[in-house]
Protein backbone atom coordinates (compact mmCIF):
# COMPACT_ATOMS: atom_id res chain seq x y z
CA MET A 1 23.63 29.71 6.72
CA VAL A 2 23.81 25.95 6.12
CA ALA A 3 23.11 25.27 9.80
CA ALA A 4 20.01 27.50 9.73
CA ARG A 5 18.70 25.76 6.61
CA ALA A 6 19.32 22.32 8.16
CA PHE A 7 17.54 23.39 11.34
CA THR A 8 14.55 24.65 9.33
CA MET A 9 14.31 21.34 7.46
CA PHE A 10 14.54 19.44 10.77
CA VAL A 11 11.67 21.48 12.22
CA MET A 12 9.55 20.90 9.10
CA VAL A 13 10.10 17.15 9.35
CA LEU A 14 9.10 17.18 13.03
CA VAL A 15 5.93 19.11 12.22
CA LEU A 16 4.98 16.60 9.51
CA ILE A 17 5.66 13.64 11.80
CA SER A 18 3.58 15.15 14.60
CA PHE A 19 0.73 15.79 12.15
CA PHE A 20 0.60 12.13 11.12
CA LEU A 21 0.96 10.87 14.69
CA ALA A 22 -1.80 13.18 15.96
CA LYS A 23 -4.46 11.39 13.92
CA ALA A 24 -5.59 8.40 15.93
CA SER A 25 -8.90 6.63 16.35
CA TYR A 26 -10.74 7.17 19.59
CA PHE A 27 -13.73 5.79 21.44
CA ASP A 28 -15.86 7.93 23.77
CA VAL A 29 -18.42 6.41 26.16
CA TYR A 30 -21.17 8.33 27.93
CA LEU A 31 -22.74 8.03 31.36
CA GLY A 32 -26.32 8.33 30.13
CA PRO A 33 -28.18 8.25 26.84
CA GLY A 34 -27.85 11.03 24.32
CA CYS A 35 -24.05 11.33 23.98
CA HIS A 36 -24.02 14.77 25.58
CA ASN A 37 -23.38 14.14 29.28
CA ASP A 38 -20.38 12.95 31.33
CA MET A 39 -17.94 11.06 29.09
CA GLN A 40 -14.78 8.95 29.19
CA HIS A 41 -12.27 8.93 26.32
CA TYR A 42 -10.32 5.84 25.17
CA SER A 43 -7.54 5.94 22.56
CA VAL A 44 -4.64 3.80 23.81
CA CYS A 45 -3.56 0.70 21.86
CA GLY A 46 -4.41 -2.68 23.36
CA CYS A 47 -7.18 -3.99 25.61
CA LEU A 48 -9.19 -1.45 27.61
CA ASN A 49 -12.01 -2.14 30.06
CA ILE A 50 -14.95 0.22 29.79
CA HIS A 51 -16.02 1.72 33.11
CA PRO A 52 -19.21 -0.10 34.26
CA SER A 53 -21.15 3.16 34.72
CA TYR A 54 -20.47 4.44 31.20
CA HIS A 55 -22.79 2.43 28.95
CA GLY A 56 -25.33 5.09 27.96
CA GLY A 57 -23.95 5.57 24.47
CA PHE A 58 -20.73 5.74 22.49
CA LYS A 59 -18.98 7.57 19.69
CA PHE A 60 -16.20 5.91 17.69
CA VAL A 61 -14.05 8.10 15.43
CA TYR A 62 -12.07 6.01 12.95
CA GLU A 63 -8.68 7.42 11.95
CA GLY A 64 -7.03 4.19 10.80
CA GLN A 65 -7.00 2.09 13.99
CA ARG A 66 -9.84 -0.43 14.22
CA ILE A 67 -11.33 -1.57 17.50
CA ARG A 68 -12.70 -4.94 18.48
CA THR A 69 -15.51 -5.01 21.06
CA PHE A 70 -15.93 -7.71 23.70
CA ASN A 71 -18.89 -8.59 25.93
CA GLN A 72 -16.59 -9.49 28.84
CA PRO A 73 -13.92 -7.46 30.67
CA PHE A 74 -10.24 -7.89 29.74
CA CYS A 75 -11.13 -8.77 26.10
CA GLN A 76 -11.95 -12.35 27.11
CA ASP A 77 -14.80 -13.32 24.74
CA GLU A 78 -14.31 -15.69 21.90
CA VAL A 79 -16.90 -13.80 19.86
CA SER A 80 -16.34 -10.12 19.23
CA THR A 81 -17.12 -7.43 16.68
CA ILE A 82 -14.63 -5.38 14.71
CA ILE A 83 -15.59 -1.75 14.22
CA SER A 84 -13.80 0.17 11.52
CA THR A 85 -14.83 2.45 8.73
CA ILE A 86 -18.03 1.64 6.86
CA ARG A 87 -17.56 2.91 3.30
CA GLU A 88 -16.62 6.56 3.72
CA ALA A 89 -18.00 6.99 7.25
CA THR A 90 -15.36 7.90 9.78
CA THR A 91 -17.60 8.34 12.83
CA MET A 92 -20.04 5.87 14.35
CA TYR A 93 -22.54 6.86 17.04
CA SER A 94 -24.86 4.85 19.25
CA CYS A 95 -26.42 7.45 21.51
CA ASN A 96 -29.98 6.30 22.12
CA GLN A 97 -29.43 2.82 23.47
CA VAL A 98 -27.37 1.07 26.11
CA PHE A 99 -24.52 -0.99 24.65
CA GLN A 100 -23.48 -4.35 26.06
CA PHE A 101 -19.75 -4.68 25.46
CA GLN A 102 -17.47 -4.43 28.49
CA SER A 103 -14.04 -4.01 26.86
CA ILE A 104 -12.45 -2.90 23.60
CA PHE A 105 -9.17 -3.68 21.89
CA PHE A 106 -7.51 -0.94 19.83
CA GLN A 107 -5.61 -2.54 16.96
CA CYS A 108 -2.64 -0.21 16.40
């Protein structure tokens, strides 16, 4: 009986941990304008180069991890922009214009 109760508590803790770990910011980039065509998904911590063909638009979903954008590959610029939540907004879109940055850095 005690073993079953301990196992149940263990499973509940694992479920709670997985719930909190599942929420992570992500950055989607699109092949063409409109944010509804071929897409690549980025969500790993650290510096990520954006595929050169995927600059038609982006969607950033903020779940606690900010990103910094860079105009050069490999996060090499001295000047960059931090994107995080703006007031209560948790999603940022730019679907009708080409964006210039070449790499992003997920701050985890």
